[in-house]
Amino acid sequence: MVFYWRQSTSPQWVQADKDDTSVSQKGGLLAWALGSDPDVNGMMLQGFVALDGHGYTTSMPLYVGDNGNPTTTTPGSGYARIIGYVVDDDTIYFDPSKVWVDIA
């Protein structure tokens, strides 16, 4: 799952969502959760993710989707931000772009 770092009075990792248009999410730090609890298991800022049978089409870009889930479908609302690419049937390369586009 994909999270973003929310810098506030109580900084924390929050699930990324294409419809959350807060500036900290759109252009901020994104990470891949290495387990169910970011504070315990840690977060990966860039690298390869082993995700057996993920179902994405090889060579497609991945975008921020809904509720922390990546998607190969270009968002039709919210914002679009590429977070990586599908390497093969079981591997994703996670490397979030620093560029995002508001979808009007």
C-alpha atoms as a PDB file:
ATOM      1  CA  MET A   1       0.000   0.000   0.000  1.00  0.00           C
ATOM      2  CA  VAL A   2       1.036   3.562  -0.671  1.00  0.00           C
ATOM      3  CA  PHE A   3       1.206   6.178   2.089  1.00  0.00           C
ATOM      4  CA  TYR A   4       2.185   9.844   2.269  1.00  0.00           C
ATOM      5  CA  TRP A   5       3.891  11.720   5.087  1.00  0.00           C
ATOM      6  CA  ARG A   6       1.458  14.198   6.625  1.00  0.00           C
ATOM      7  CA  GLN A   7       3.369  16.975   8.333  1.00  0.00           C
ATOM      8  CA  SER A   8       1.098  18.490  10.955  1.00  0.00           C
ATOM      9  CA  THR A   9       0.909  18.918  14.714  1.00  0.00           C
ATOM     10  CA  SER A  10       0.939  15.112  14.801  1.00  0.00           C
ATOM     11  CA  PRO A  11       3.137  13.971  11.860  1.00  0.00           C
ATOM     12  CA  GLN A  12       2.299  10.498  10.594  1.00  0.00           C
ATOM     13  CA  TRP A  13       2.028   8.177   7.587  1.00  0.00           C
ATOM     14  CA  VAL A  14      -1.465   8.302   6.024  1.00  0.00           C
ATOM     15  CA  GLN A  15      -2.874   6.188   3.172  1.00  0.00           C
ATOM     16  CA  ALA A  16      -2.504   7.986  -0.157  1.00  0.00           C
ATOM     17  CA  ASP A  17      -5.656   8.572  -2.189  1.00  0.00           C
ATOM     18  CA  LYS A  18      -6.021  10.233  -5.585  1.00  0.00           C
ATOM     19  CA  ASP A  19      -9.064  12.163  -4.343  1.00  0.00           C
ATOM     20  CA  ASP A  20      -7.261  13.695  -1.346  1.00  0.00           C
ATOM     21  CA  THR A  21      -6.018  16.910  -2.926  1.00  0.00           C
ATOM     22  CA  SER A  22      -4.070  18.283   0.044  1.00  0.00           C
ATOM     23  CA  VAL A  23      -0.768  19.764  -1.077  1.00  0.00           C
ATOM     24  CA  SER A  24       1.251  17.534   1.267  1.00  0.00           C
ATOM     25  CA  GLN A  25      -0.114  14.441  -0.459  1.00  0.00           C
ATOM     26  CA  LYS A  26       0.063  15.578  -4.077  1.00  0.00           C
ATOM     27  CA  GLY A  27       3.655  16.762  -4.072  1.00  0.00           C
ATOM     28  CA  GLY A  28       4.937  15.324  -0.822  1.00  0.00           C
ATOM     29  CA  LEU A  29       6.795  12.257   0.292  1.00  0.00           C
ATOM     30  CA  LEU A  30       5.246   8.934  -0.764  1.00  0.00           C
ATOM     31  CA  ALA A  31       6.308   5.525   0.521  1.00  0.00           C
ATOM     32  CA  TRP A  32       5.384   1.846   0.190  1.00  0.00           C
ATOM     33  CA  ALA A  33       4.373   0.131   3.457  1.00  0.00           C
ATOM     34  CA  LEU A  34       6.612  -2.811   4.325  1.00  0.00           C
ATOM     35  CA  GLY A  35       3.968  -4.292   6.617  1.00  0.00           C
ATOM     36  CA  SER A  36       0.658  -3.499   8.290  1.00  0.00           C
ATOM     37  CA  ASP A  37       2.051  -0.894  10.723  1.00  0.00           C
ATOM     38  CA  PRO A  38       4.315   1.828   9.251  1.00  0.00           C
ATOM     39  CA  ASP A  39       5.751   2.707  12.672  1.00  0.00           C
ATOM     40  CA  VAL A  40       6.792  -0.898  13.346  1.00  0.00           C
ATOM     41  CA  ASN A  41       7.494  -2.399   9.896  1.00  0.00           C
ATOM     42  CA  GLY A  42       8.890   0.672   8.163  1.00  0.00           C
ATOM     43  CA  MET A  43       8.376   2.371   4.816  1.00  0.00           C
ATOM     44  CA  MET A  44      10.260   2.129   1.522  1.00  0.00           C
ATOM     45  CA  LEU A  45      10.855   5.366  -0.386  1.00  0.00           C
ATOM     46  CA  GLN A  46      12.132   3.722  -3.588  1.00  0.00           C
ATOM     47  CA  GLY A  47      12.828   0.200  -4.777  1.00  0.00           C
ATOM     48  CA  PHE A  48      11.429  -3.102  -6.001  1.00  0.00           C
ATOM     49  CA  VAL A  49       8.293  -4.586  -4.437  1.00  0.00           C
ATOM     50  CA  ALA A  50       7.620  -8.340  -4.610  1.00  0.00           C
ATOM     51  CA  LEU A  51       3.849  -8.610  -4.957  1.00  0.00           C
ATOM     52  CA  ASP A  52       2.915 -12.109  -6.136  1.00  0.00           C
ATOM     53  CA  GLY A  53       0.130 -12.189  -8.715  1.00  0.00           C
ATOM     54  CA  HIS A  54      -0.667  -8.467  -8.471  1.00  0.00           C
ATOM     55  CA  GLY A  55      -2.728  -8.541 -11.683  1.00  0.00           C
ATOM     56  CA  TYR A  56      -1.281  -5.403 -13.290  1.00  0.00           C
ATOM     57  CA  THR A  57      -0.192  -5.362 -16.942  1.00  0.00           C
ATOM     58  CA  THR A  58       3.583  -5.543 -17.440  1.00  0.00           C
ATOM     59  CA  SER A  59       5.348  -2.284 -18.411  1.00  0.00           C
ATOM     60  CA  MET A  60       2.398  -0.101 -17.384  1.00  0.00           C
ATOM     61  CA  PRO A  61       2.889   2.954 -15.180  1.00  0.00           C
ATOM     62  CA  LEU A  62       1.275   2.839 -11.745  1.00  0.00           C
ATOM     63  CA  TYR A  63      -0.611   5.816 -10.318  1.00  0.00           C
ATOM     64  CA  VAL A  64      -1.854   6.726  -6.849  1.00  0.00           C
ATOM     65  CA  GLY A  65      -5.309   5.140  -6.674  1.00  0.00           C
ATOM     66  CA  ASP A  66      -7.922   4.856  -3.933  1.00  0.00           C
ATOM     67  CA  ASN A  67      -7.268   3.952  -0.290  1.00  0.00           C
ATOM     68  CA  GLY A  68      -3.532   3.394  -0.695  1.00  0.00           C
ATOM     69  CA  ASN A  69      -3.876   1.028  -3.641  1.00  0.00           C
ATOM     70  CA  PRO A  70      -1.930   1.654  -6.835  1.00  0.00           C
ATOM     71  CA  THR A  71      -3.699   1.534 -10.194  1.00  0.00           C
ATOM     72  CA  THR A  72      -2.700   1.358 -13.864  1.00  0.00           C
ATOM     73  CA  THR A  73      -5.769   3.422 -14.763  1.00  0.00           C
ATOM     74  CA  THR A  74      -5.045   7.113 -15.236  1.00  0.00           C
ATOM     75  CA  PRO A  75      -7.217   8.907 -12.659  1.00  0.00           C
ATOM     76  CA  GLY A  76     -10.237  10.727 -14.082  1.00  0.00           C
ATOM     77  CA  SER A  77     -10.642  12.915 -10.993  1.00  0.00           C
ATOM     78  CA  GLY A  78      -8.546  14.200  -8.119  1.00  0.00           C
ATOM     79  CA  TYR A  79      -4.926  14.214  -9.213  1.00  0.00           C
ATOM     80  CA  ALA A  80      -2.579  12.005 -11.212  1.00  0.00           C
ATOM     81  CA  ARG A  81       0.876  11.049  -9.967  1.00  0.00           C
ATOM     82  CA  ILE A  82       2.968   8.178 -11.297  1.00  0.00           C
ATOM     83  CA  ILE A  83       4.412   6.117  -8.456  1.00  0.00           C
ATOM     84  CA  GLY A  84       6.258   3.425 -10.409  1.00  0.00           C
ATOM     85  CA  TYR A  85       6.061   0.765 -13.086  1.00  0.00           C
ATOM     86  CA  VAL A  86       5.004  -2.862 -13.403  1.00  0.00           C
ATOM     87  CA  VAL A  87       8.129  -4.959 -14.022  1.00  0.00           C
ATOM     88  CA  ASP A  88       6.555  -8.414 -14.345  1.00  0.00           C
ATOM     89  CA  ASP A  89       3.692 -10.529 -12.956  1.00  0.00           C
ATOM     90  CA  ASP A  90       5.142 -10.444  -9.444  1.00  0.00           C
ATOM     91  CA  THR A  91       7.253  -7.273  -9.269  1.00  0.00           C
ATOM     92  CA  ILE A  92       6.683  -3.523  -9.138  1.00  0.00           C
ATOM     93  CA  TYR A  93       9.331  -0.817  -9.284  1.00  0.00           C
ATOM     94  CA  PHE A  94       8.281   1.875  -6.798  1.00  0.00           C
ATOM     95  CA  ASP A  95       9.778   5.288  -7.645  1.00  0.00           C
ATOM     96  CA  PRO A  96       7.247   8.106  -7.072  1.00  0.00           C
ATOM     97  CA  SER A  97       7.406  11.020  -9.463  1.00  0.00           C
ATOM     98  CA  LYS A  98       7.826  14.484  -7.999  1.00  0.00           C
ATOM     99  CA  VAL A  99       5.284  15.734 -10.559  1.00  0.00           C
ATOM    100  CA  TRP A 100       1.505  15.632 -10.121  1.00  0.00           C
ATOM    101  CA  VAL A 101      -1.380  16.905 -12.231  1.00  0.00           C
ATOM    102  CA  ASP A 102      -4.753  18.177 -10.980  1.00  0.00           C
ATOM    103  CA  ILE A 103      -7.570  16.551 -12.938  1.00  0.00           C
ATOM    104  CA  ALA A 104     -10.329  19.079 -13.499  1.00  0.00           C
END
